[in-house]
Amino acid sequence: MIINNKLLEESFSYKHNLQGSDLKECIISIDEIYLYVSKVEERLYFDIECIFMQEIKEGISLADWLWGSSYDGDKEVKDMLVQILTKPMGKEYSIFDDNIEICLYPDGSHVSTLEQYVAQRRGILSKIADKGEFCSFMPSCFADSVFSVQIKNGLNQISDFSVHTEEIVKNLSVLNDEALDIYRENRSNLRVAYKILTSKLLECSPDPENVKHLRFEFINDMGDIEIVECSPHTKLVREDSNLRIYFYWCHDNIGSGNKVLIGRIGTHPYR
């Protein structure tokens, strides 16, 4: 599954800056989205000529403002914008599975920050009922997570899968966005870390009695298989359910020690 990331040309017009947003901050946000899109091997689509025709100020086109000698403006801001618009992006609007529309200036209805962009990707993921498509698209929604080689095995064992996708995405979002910081602040007392995650999700706890069944394969930074024990888990559906997400806080050889490891999403691997 590939997303059509559409940068709305008309959003570059001063007429769309209804909130009086700072142009420099808006450009930084677009660049952050571009970097994320590139990282997941997608493109940002726009019509460059149409963007250059937009009035960045009343009566002044973006092209004239950038290169016209008679127009004032912050050179740093101009250089930043030129750098973004001349990056290798998609030039045509392609037909993909879903669309995300991105604005330079925030308008309350389209994406204008990286946080909003990631949230929209995850919203798309939560509505994917096919397990194969879900598994394939999932890593692009959680840039600070690494998924095990066998991650699809657990998903395949979840009955009524479409009923649980939103909850799975919610749990993965908290693990991706918050678990590593929680671990680093409480590594000397992991009971506190589990308690904090439990306050954000249904429940989080270790499973020390079954660790021999909780070893999963990951691709490490050298490109080799590394086996990691993922005993901590969050529970899905209800506290006595056997649906859960097994994870590990981080590993020095995987994701440079800066990513959460997701070993399994599904039922107990030992029952």
C-alpha atoms as a PDB file:
ATOM      1  CA  MET A   1       0.000   0.000   0.000  1.00  0.00           C
ATOM      2  CA  ILE A   2       1.336   3.429  -0.982  1.00  0.00           C
ATOM      3  CA  ILE A   3       0.019   6.821   0.055  1.00  0.00           C
ATOM      4  CA  ASN A   4      -0.461   9.696  -2.376  1.00  0.00           C
ATOM      5  CA  ASN A   5       1.096  12.576  -0.424  1.00  0.00           C
ATOM      6  CA  LYS A   6      -0.348  15.642  -2.136  1.00  0.00           C
ATOM      7  CA  LEU A   7       1.185  19.040  -1.373  1.00  0.00           C
ATOM      8  CA  LEU A   8      -1.634  21.501  -2.099  1.00  0.00           C
ATOM      9  CA  GLU A   9      -0.304  24.200  -4.400  1.00  0.00           C
ATOM     10  CA  GLU A  10      -2.960  26.763  -3.490  1.00  0.00           C
ATOM     11  CA  SER A  11      -1.947  26.574   0.168  1.00  0.00           C
ATOM     12  CA  PHE A  12       1.179  28.616  -0.732  1.00  0.00           C
ATOM     13  CA  SER A  13      -0.992  31.664  -1.369  1.00  0.00           C
ATOM     14  CA  TYR A  14      -1.021  34.350   1.322  1.00  0.00           C
ATOM     15  CA  LYS A  15      -4.827  34.168   1.109  1.00  0.00           C
ATOM     16  CA  HIS A  16      -4.686  30.768   2.842  1.00  0.00           C
ATOM     17  CA  ASN A  17      -2.658  32.085   5.771  1.00  0.00           C
ATOM     18  CA  LEU A  18      -5.783  32.994   7.732  1.00  0.00           C
ATOM     19  CA  GLN A  19      -4.057  32.387  11.075  1.00  0.00           C
ATOM     20  CA  GLY A  20      -1.093  34.625  10.304  1.00  0.00           C
ATOM     21  CA  SER A  21       1.311  31.714  10.679  1.00  0.00           C
ATOM     22  CA  ASP A  22       5.070  32.264  10.574  1.00  0.00           C
ATOM     23  CA  LEU A  23       6.326  31.284   7.115  1.00  0.00           C
ATOM     24  CA  LYS A  24       9.651  29.961   8.426  1.00  0.00           C
ATOM     25  CA  GLU A  25       7.956  27.602  10.887  1.00  0.00           C
ATOM     26  CA  CYS A  26       5.586  26.408   8.167  1.00  0.00           C
ATOM     27  CA  ILE A  27       8.498  25.646   5.834  1.00  0.00           C
ATOM     28  CA  ILE A  28      10.277  23.684   8.582  1.00  0.00           C
ATOM     29  CA  SER A  29       7.120  21.622   9.093  1.00  0.00           C
ATOM     30  CA  ILE A  30       6.844  20.828   5.381  1.00  0.00           C
ATOM     31  CA  ASP A  31      10.488  19.783   5.342  1.00  0.00           C
ATOM     32  CA  GLU A  32       9.892  17.438   8.289  1.00  0.00           C
ATOM     33  CA  ILE A  33       7.009  15.829   6.411  1.00  0.00           C
ATOM     34  CA  TYR A  34       9.151  15.535   3.289  1.00  0.00           C
ATOM     35  CA  LEU A  35      11.925  13.779   5.229  1.00  0.00           C
ATOM     36  CA  TYR A  36       9.428  11.340   6.746  1.00  0.00           C
ATOM     37  CA  VAL A  37       7.879  10.609   3.354  1.00  0.00           C
ATOM     38  CA  SER A  38      11.319  10.001   1.867  1.00  0.00           C
ATOM     39  CA  LYS A  39      12.281   7.710   4.736  1.00  0.00           C
ATOM     40  CA  VAL A  40       9.323   5.417   4.024  1.00  0.00           C
ATOM     41  CA  GLU A  41      10.234   5.482   0.316  1.00  0.00           C
ATOM     42  CA  GLU A  42       7.257   7.522  -0.849  1.00  0.00           C
ATOM     43  CA  ARG A  43       7.030  10.854  -2.667  1.00  0.00           C
ATOM     44  CA  LEU A  44       5.484  14.239  -2.113  1.00  0.00           C
ATOM     45  CA  TYR A  45       3.399  15.204  -5.156  1.00  0.00           C
ATOM     46  CA  PHE A  46       2.857  18.738  -6.439  1.00  0.00           C
ATOM     47  CA  ASP A  47       2.881  20.929  -9.542  1.00  0.00           C
ATOM     48  CA  ILE A  48       5.973  23.123  -9.200  1.00  0.00           C
ATOM     49  CA  GLU A  49       4.832  25.660 -11.823  1.00  0.00           C
ATOM     50  CA  CYS A  50       1.499  26.070 -10.075  1.00  0.00           C
ATOM     51  CA  ILE A  51       3.248  26.678  -6.749  1.00  0.00           C
ATOM     52  CA  PHE A  52       5.532  29.339  -8.252  1.00  0.00           C
ATOM     53  CA  MET A  53       2.442  31.177  -9.590  1.00  0.00           C
ATOM     54  CA  GLN A  54       0.840  31.453  -6.122  1.00  0.00           C
ATOM     55  CA  GLU A  55       0.831  34.927  -4.562  1.00  0.00           C
ATOM     56  CA  ILE A  56       3.072  34.665  -1.502  1.00  0.00           C
ATOM     57  CA  LYS A  57       2.170  38.316  -0.882  1.00  0.00           C
ATOM     58  CA  GLU A  58      -0.616  40.356  -2.425  1.00  0.00           C
ATOM     59  CA  GLY A  59       0.246  40.909  -6.081  1.00  0.00           C
ATOM     60  CA  ILE A  60       3.600  39.123  -5.791  1.00  0.00           C
ATOM     61  CA  SER A  61       4.049  35.590  -7.115  1.00  0.00           C
ATOM     62  CA  LEU A  62       6.183  33.128  -5.208  1.00  0.00           C
ATOM     63  CA  ALA A  63       8.673  32.994  -8.112  1.00  0.00           C
ATOM     64  CA  ASP A  64       9.034  36.780  -8.148  1.00  0.00           C
ATOM     65  CA  TRP A  65       9.394  36.918  -4.380  1.00  0.00           C
ATOM     66  CA  LEU A  66      12.112  34.259  -4.421  1.00  0.00           C
ATOM     67  CA  TRP A  67      14.198  35.630  -7.297  1.00  0.00           C
ATOM     68  CA  GLY A  68      13.024  39.155  -7.994  1.00  0.00           C
ATOM     69  CA  SER A  69      15.673  41.679  -6.885  1.00  0.00           C
ATOM     70  CA  SER A  70      13.134  44.334  -5.913  1.00  0.00           C
ATOM     71  CA  TYR A  71      11.279  42.295  -3.300  1.00  0.00           C
ATOM     72  CA  ASP A  72      12.311  42.189   0.347  1.00  0.00           C
ATOM     73  CA  GLY A  73      12.279  39.041   2.386  1.00  0.00           C
ATOM     74  CA  ASP A  74      14.310  36.927   4.766  1.00  0.00           C
ATOM     75  CA  LYS A  75      17.061  35.309   2.671  1.00  0.00           C
ATOM     76  CA  GLU A  76      17.212  32.313   5.033  1.00  0.00           C
ATOM     77  CA  VAL A  77      13.498  31.673   4.581  1.00  0.00           C
ATOM     78  CA  LYS A  78      13.790  32.024   0.799  1.00  0.00           C
ATOM     79  CA  ASP A  79      16.725  29.614   0.680  1.00  0.00           C
ATOM     80  CA  MET A  80      14.859  27.069   2.804  1.00  0.00           C
ATOM     81  CA  LEU A  81      11.847  27.193   0.513  1.00  0.00           C
ATOM     82  CA  VAL A  82      13.928  26.853  -2.647  1.00  0.00           C
ATOM     83  CA  GLN A  83      15.751  23.902  -1.130  1.00  0.00           C
ATOM     84  CA  ILE A  84      12.481  22.090  -0.441  1.00  0.00           C
ATOM     85  CA  LEU A  85      10.871  22.830  -3.800  1.00  0.00           C
ATOM     86  CA  THR A  86      13.911  21.648  -5.730  1.00  0.00           C
ATOM     87  CA  LYS A  87      14.183  18.319  -3.921  1.00  0.00           C
ATOM     88  CA  PRO A  88      13.334  15.143  -5.881  1.00  0.00           C
ATOM     89  CA  MET A  89       9.597  14.921  -5.448  1.00  0.00           C
ATOM     90  CA  GLY A  90       6.804  13.449  -7.505  1.00  0.00           C
ATOM     91  CA  LYS A  91       5.701  15.682 -10.349  1.00  0.00           C
ATOM     92  CA  GLU A  92       2.385  14.034 -11.171  1.00  0.00           C
ATOM     93  CA  TYR A  93      -0.615  13.138  -9.082  1.00  0.00           C
ATOM     94  CA  SER A  94      -0.605   9.327  -9.097  1.00  0.00           C
ATOM     95  CA  ILE A  95      -3.419   6.958  -8.208  1.00  0.00           C
ATOM     96  CA  PHE A  96      -2.609   5.125  -4.999  1.00  0.00           C
ATOM     97  CA  ASP A  97      -4.605   3.474  -2.251  1.00  0.00           C
ATOM     98  CA  ASP A  98      -5.255   6.569  -0.147  1.00  0.00           C
ATOM     99  CA  ASN A  99      -4.513  10.297  -0.109  1.00  0.00           C
ATOM    100  CA  ILE A 100      -3.063  12.714   2.425  1.00  0.00           C
ATOM    101  CA  GLU A 101      -3.390  16.390   1.534  1.00  0.00           C
ATOM    102  CA  ILE A 102      -0.700  18.678   2.943  1.00  0.00           C
ATOM    103  CA  CYS A 103      -0.869  22.467   3.361  1.00  0.00           C
ATOM    104  CA  LEU A 104       1.918  24.997   3.799  1.00  0.00           C
ATOM    105  CA  TYR A 105      -0.227  27.163   6.061  1.00  0.00           C
ATOM    106  CA  PRO A 106      -2.408  25.394   8.652  1.00  0.00           C
ATOM    107  CA  ASP A 107      -6.087  25.632   7.805  1.00  0.00           C
ATOM    108  CA  GLY A 108      -7.657  23.292  10.354  1.00  0.00           C
ATOM    109  CA  SER A 109      -8.758  20.709   7.804  1.00  0.00           C
ATOM    110  CA  HIS A 110      -5.541  19.528   6.141  1.00  0.00           C
ATOM    111  CA  VAL A 111      -2.186  18.246   7.355  1.00  0.00           C
ATOM    112  CA  SER A 112       0.428  20.930   8.040  1.00  0.00           C
ATOM    113  CA  THR A 113       2.710  19.377  10.696  1.00  0.00           C
ATOM    114  CA  LEU A 114       4.573  16.091  10.998  1.00  0.00           C
ATOM    115  CA  GLU A 115       2.478  15.148  14.013  1.00  0.00           C
ATOM    116  CA  GLN A 116      -0.728  15.594  12.007  1.00  0.00           C
ATOM    117  CA  TYR A 117       0.769  13.716   9.067  1.00  0.00           C
ATOM    118  CA  VAL A 118       1.757  10.681  11.151  1.00  0.00           C
ATOM    119  CA  ALA A 119      -1.646  10.693  12.874  1.00  0.00           C
ATOM    120  CA  GLN A 120      -3.389  10.581   9.483  1.00  0.00           C
ATOM    121  CA  ARG A 121      -1.191   7.683   8.315  1.00  0.00           C
ATOM    122  CA  ARG A 122      -2.080   5.788  11.471  1.00  0.00           C
ATOM    123  CA  GLY A 123      -5.744   6.566  10.939  1.00  0.00           C
ATOM    124  CA  ILE A 124      -5.501   4.974   7.499  1.00  0.00           C
ATOM    125  CA  LEU A 125      -3.729   1.954   9.013  1.00  0.00           C
ATOM    126  CA  SER A 126      -6.445   1.463  11.639  1.00  0.00           C
ATOM    127  CA  LYS A 127      -9.021   0.975   8.873  1.00  0.00           C
ATOM    128  CA  ILE A 128      -7.104  -1.701   6.939  1.00  0.00           C
ATOM    129  CA  ALA A 129      -8.896  -5.026   7.402  1.00  0.00           C
ATOM    130  CA  ASP A 130      -6.584  -7.183   5.300  1.00  0.00           C
ATOM    131  CA  LYS A 131      -3.807  -8.622   7.481  1.00  0.00           C
ATOM    132  CA  GLY A 132      -1.237  -8.657   4.702  1.00  0.00           C
ATOM    133  CA  GLU A 133      -1.820  -5.007   3.773  1.00  0.00           C
ATOM    134  CA  PHE A 134      -1.881  -4.015   7.445  1.00  0.00           C
ATOM    135  CA  CYS A 135       1.444  -5.754   8.081  1.00  0.00           C
ATOM    136  CA  SER A 136       3.035  -4.229   4.999  1.00  0.00           C
ATOM    137  CA  PHE A 137       1.896  -0.660   5.702  1.00  0.00           C
ATOM    138  CA  MET A 138       2.415  -0.767   9.489  1.00  0.00           C
ATOM    139  CA  PRO A 139       6.182  -0.033   9.667  1.00  0.00           C
ATOM    140  CA  SER A 140       5.749   3.225   7.722  1.00  0.00           C
ATOM    141  CA  CYS A 141       3.458   4.502  10.488  1.00  0.00           C
ATOM    142  CA  PHE A 142       5.884   3.862  13.341  1.00  0.00           C
ATOM    143  CA  ALA A 143       9.293   5.241  12.433  1.00  0.00           C
ATOM    144  CA  ASP A 144      10.747   4.676  15.907  1.00  0.00           C
ATOM    145  CA  SER A 145       9.861   0.971  16.026  1.00  0.00           C
ATOM    146  CA  VAL A 146      11.474  -2.140  14.572  1.00  0.00           C
ATOM    147  CA  PHE A 147       9.258  -5.144  13.866  1.00  0.00           C
ATOM    148  CA  SER A 148      10.415  -8.738  14.151  1.00  0.00           C
ATOM    149  CA  VAL A 149      10.927 -10.951  11.127  1.00  0.00           C
ATOM    150  CA  GLN A 150       7.953 -13.078  12.224  1.00  0.00           C
ATOM    151  CA  ILE A 151       5.571 -10.196  12.992  1.00  0.00           C
ATOM    152  CA  LYS A 152       2.985 -11.377  10.449  1.00  0.00           C
ATOM    153  CA  ASN A 153       2.653 -14.786  12.152  1.00  0.00           C
ATOM    154  CA  GLY A 154       0.885 -13.327  15.164  1.00  0.00           C
ATOM    155  CA  LEU A 155      -1.395 -11.118  13.083  1.00  0.00           C
ATOM    156  CA  ASN A 156      -2.514 -14.143  11.083  1.00  0.00           C
ATOM    157  CA  GLN A 157      -3.783 -15.811  14.261  1.00  0.00           C
ATOM    158  CA  ILE A 158      -6.058 -12.945  15.300  1.00  0.00           C
ATOM    159  CA  SER A 159      -9.695 -13.748  14.635  1.00  0.00           C
ATOM    160  CA  ASP A 160     -12.051 -10.842  13.864  1.00  0.00           C
ATOM    161  CA  PHE A 161      -8.940  -8.898  12.935  1.00  0.00           C
ATOM    162  CA  SER A 162     -10.770  -5.811  11.648  1.00  0.00           C
ATOM    163  CA  VAL A 163     -12.408  -5.384  15.063  1.00  0.00           C
ATOM    164  CA  HIS A 164      -9.022  -4.960  16.726  1.00  0.00           C
ATOM    165  CA  THR A 165      -7.091  -2.755  14.286  1.00  0.00           C
ATOM    166  CA  GLU A 166      -7.815   0.539  16.038  1.00  0.00           C
ATOM    167  CA  GLU A 167      -6.709  -0.855  19.388  1.00  0.00           C
ATOM    168  CA  ILE A 168      -3.557  -2.338  17.870  1.00  0.00           C
ATOM    169  CA  VAL A 169      -2.692   1.033  16.307  1.00  0.00           C
ATOM    170  CA  LYS A 170      -3.334   2.825  19.611  1.00  0.00           C
ATOM    171  CA  ASN A 171      -0.993   0.467  21.494  1.00  0.00           C
ATOM    172  CA  LEU A 172       1.713   0.690  18.847  1.00  0.00           C
ATOM    173  CA  SER A 173       1.435   4.490  18.864  1.00  0.00           C
ATOM    174  CA  VAL A 174       2.081   4.707  22.605  1.00  0.00           C
ATOM    175  CA  LEU A 175       4.971   2.233  22.404  1.00  0.00           C
ATOM    176  CA  ASN A 176       6.518   4.032  19.424  1.00  0.00           C
ATOM    177  CA  ASP A 177       6.080   7.559  20.778  1.00  0.00           C
ATOM    178  CA  GLU A 178       6.604   7.137  24.511  1.00  0.00           C
ATOM    179  CA  ALA A 179       7.994   3.761  25.632  1.00  0.00           C
ATOM    180  CA  LEU A 180      11.677   4.499  25.083  1.00  0.00           C
ATOM    181  CA  ASP A 181      11.576   7.738  27.088  1.00  0.00           C
ATOM    182  CA  ILE A 182       9.648   5.983  29.856  1.00  0.00           C
ATOM    183  CA  TYR A 183      12.262   3.220  29.924  1.00  0.00           C
ATOM    184  CA  ARG A 184      15.219   5.604  30.053  1.00  0.00           C
ATOM    185  CA  GLU A 185      13.683   7.530  32.925  1.00  0.00           C
ATOM    186  CA  ASN A 186      12.805   4.390  34.904  1.00  0.00           C
ATOM    187  CA  ARG A 187      15.307   1.721  33.844  1.00  0.00           C
ATOM    188  CA  SER A 188      16.386   1.263  37.466  1.00  0.00           C
ATOM    189  CA  ASN A 189      12.813   0.427  38.464  1.00  0.00           C
ATOM    190  CA  LEU A 190      10.872  -1.114  35.595  1.00  0.00           C
ATOM    191  CA  ARG A 191       7.809  -1.605  37.754  1.00  0.00           C
ATOM    192  CA  VAL A 192       7.303   2.145  37.456  1.00  0.00           C
ATOM    193  CA  ALA A 193       7.690   1.932  33.670  1.00  0.00           C
ATOM    194  CA  TYR A 194       5.045  -0.803  33.462  1.00  0.00           C
ATOM    195  CA  LYS A 195       2.747   1.221  35.686  1.00  0.00           C
ATOM    196  CA  ILE A 196       3.072   4.307  33.477  1.00  0.00           C
ATOM    197  CA  LEU A 197       2.282   2.341  30.302  1.00  0.00           C
ATOM    198  CA  THR A 198      -0.651   0.674  32.081  1.00  0.00           C
ATOM    199  CA  SER A 199      -2.055   4.130  32.835  1.00  0.00           C
ATOM    200  CA  LYS A 200      -1.996   4.901  29.107  1.00  0.00           C
ATOM    201  CA  LEU A 201      -3.216   1.529  27.810  1.00  0.00           C
ATOM    202  CA  LEU A 202      -5.208  -1.404  29.128  1.00  0.00           C
ATOM    203  CA  GLU A 203      -2.318  -3.114  30.923  1.00  0.00           C
ATOM    204  CA  CYS A 204       1.428  -3.617  30.568  1.00  0.00           C
ATOM    205  CA  SER A 205       3.497  -6.237  32.378  1.00  0.00           C
ATOM    206  CA  PRO A 206       6.392  -8.699  31.902  1.00  0.00           C
ATOM    207  CA  ASP A 207       5.987 -12.466  31.392  1.00  0.00           C
ATOM    208  CA  PRO A 208       9.060 -13.976  33.122  1.00  0.00           C
ATOM    209  CA  GLU A 209       7.628 -17.502  33.306  1.00  0.00           C
ATOM    210  CA  ASN A 210       7.488 -17.936  29.533  1.00  0.00           C
ATOM    211  CA  VAL A 211      10.590 -16.117  28.296  1.00  0.00           C
ATOM    212  CA  LYS A 212      11.831 -19.175  26.402  1.00  0.00           C
ATOM    213  CA  HIS A 213       8.826 -18.784  24.083  1.00  0.00           C
ATOM    214  CA  LEU A 214       9.258 -15.025  23.729  1.00  0.00           C
ATOM    215  CA  ARG A 215      12.432 -14.820  21.672  1.00  0.00           C
ATOM    216  CA  PHE A 216      11.954 -13.196  18.288  1.00  0.00           C
ATOM    217  CA  GLU A 217      14.190 -12.563  15.300  1.00  0.00           C
ATOM    218  CA  PHE A 218      15.125  -9.027  14.242  1.00  0.00           C
ATOM    219  CA  ILE A 219      17.381  -7.649  11.549  1.00  0.00           C
ATOM    220  CA  ASN A 220      20.188  -5.817  13.338  1.00  0.00           C
ATOM    221  CA  ASP A 221      22.165  -2.808  12.137  1.00  0.00           C
ATOM    222  CA  MET A 222      24.714  -5.090  10.455  1.00  0.00           C
ATOM    223  CA  GLY A 223      21.990  -6.799   8.449  1.00  0.00           C
ATOM    224  CA  ASP A 224      22.186 -10.027  10.453  1.00  0.00           C
ATOM    225  CA  ILE A 225      19.509 -11.910  12.372  1.00  0.00           C
ATOM    226  CA  GLU A 226      19.535 -11.142  16.091  1.00  0.00           C
ATOM    227  CA  ILE A 227      17.306 -12.920  18.599  1.00  0.00           C
ATOM    228  CA  VAL A 228      15.799 -10.690  21.278  1.00  0.00           C
ATOM    229  CA  GLU A 229      13.666 -11.686  24.244  1.00  0.00           C
ATOM    230  CA  CYS A 230      10.448  -9.651  24.242  1.00  0.00           C
ATOM    231  CA  SER A 231       8.816 -10.404  27.581  1.00  0.00           C
ATOM    232  CA  PRO A 232       7.074  -7.067  28.257  1.00  0.00           C
ATOM    233  CA  HIS A 233       3.645  -6.895  26.660  1.00  0.00           C
ATOM    234  CA  THR A 234       0.554  -4.735  26.476  1.00  0.00           C
ATOM    235  CA  LYS A 235      -2.819  -6.460  26.615  1.00  0.00           C
ATOM    236  CA  LEU A 236      -5.554  -5.946  24.056  1.00  0.00           C
ATOM    237  CA  VAL A 237      -9.360  -6.184  24.344  1.00  0.00           C
ATOM    238  CA  ARG A 238      -9.516  -6.979  28.093  1.00  0.00           C
ATOM    239  CA  GLU A 239      -7.216  -7.946  30.951  1.00  0.00           C
ATOM    240  CA  ASP A 240      -7.882 -11.700  30.659  1.00  0.00           C
ATOM    241  CA  SER A 241      -7.541 -11.760  26.864  1.00  0.00           C
ATOM    242  CA  ASN A 242      -4.657 -13.623  25.254  1.00  0.00           C
ATOM    243  CA  LEU A 243      -4.298 -10.918  22.587  1.00  0.00           C
ATOM    244  CA  ARG A 244      -1.273  -8.764  23.272  1.00  0.00           C
ATOM    245  CA  ILE A 245       1.733  -6.939  21.862  1.00  0.00           C
ATOM    246  CA  TYR A 246       5.120  -8.296  22.944  1.00  0.00           C
ATOM    247  CA  PHE A 247       7.925  -5.747  22.817  1.00  0.00           C
ATOM    248  CA  TYR A 248      11.336  -4.834  24.154  1.00  0.00           C
ATOM    249  CA  TRP A 249      12.406  -1.356  25.135  1.00  0.00           C
ATOM    250  CA  CYS A 250      15.514  -1.074  22.926  1.00  0.00           C
ATOM    251  CA  HIS A 251      18.640  -2.939  21.792  1.00  0.00           C
ATOM    252  CA  ASP A 252      22.103  -1.513  21.114  1.00  0.00           C
ATOM    253  CA  ASN A 253      22.491  -3.437  17.836  1.00  0.00           C
ATOM    254  CA  ILE A 254      19.044  -2.668  16.439  1.00  0.00           C
ATOM    255  CA  GLY A 255      17.953   0.787  15.350  1.00  0.00           C
ATOM    256  CA  SER A 256      21.151   2.169  16.916  1.00  0.00           C
ATOM    257  CA  GLY A 257      19.588   1.572  20.326  1.00  0.00           C
ATOM    258  CA  ASN A 258      16.976   4.251  19.669  1.00  0.00           C
ATOM    259  CA  LYS A 259      13.953   2.214  18.616  1.00  0.00           C
ATOM    260  CA  VAL A 260      11.349   0.090  20.354  1.00  0.00           C
ATOM    261  CA  LEU A 261      11.330  -3.560  19.286  1.00  0.00           C
ATOM    262  CA  ILE A 262       7.951  -5.132  18.493  1.00  0.00           C
ATOM    263  CA  GLY A 263       8.286  -8.914  18.655  1.00  0.00           C
ATOM    264  CA  ARG A 264       4.715 -10.143  18.226  1.00  0.00           C
ATOM    265  CA  ILE A 265       1.177  -8.816  17.818  1.00  0.00           C
ATOM    266  CA  GLY A 266      -1.382 -11.520  18.500  1.00  0.00           C
ATOM    267  CA  THR A 267      -2.075 -14.457  20.775  1.00  0.00           C
ATOM    268  CA  HIS A 268       0.302 -16.161  23.198  1.00  0.00           C
ATOM    269  CA  PRO A 269       3.001 -17.907  21.150  1.00  0.00           C
ATOM    270  CA  TYR A 270       3.072 -20.762  23.658  1.00  0.00           C
ATOM    271  CA  ARG A 271      -0.589 -21.876  23.854  1.00  0.00           C
END
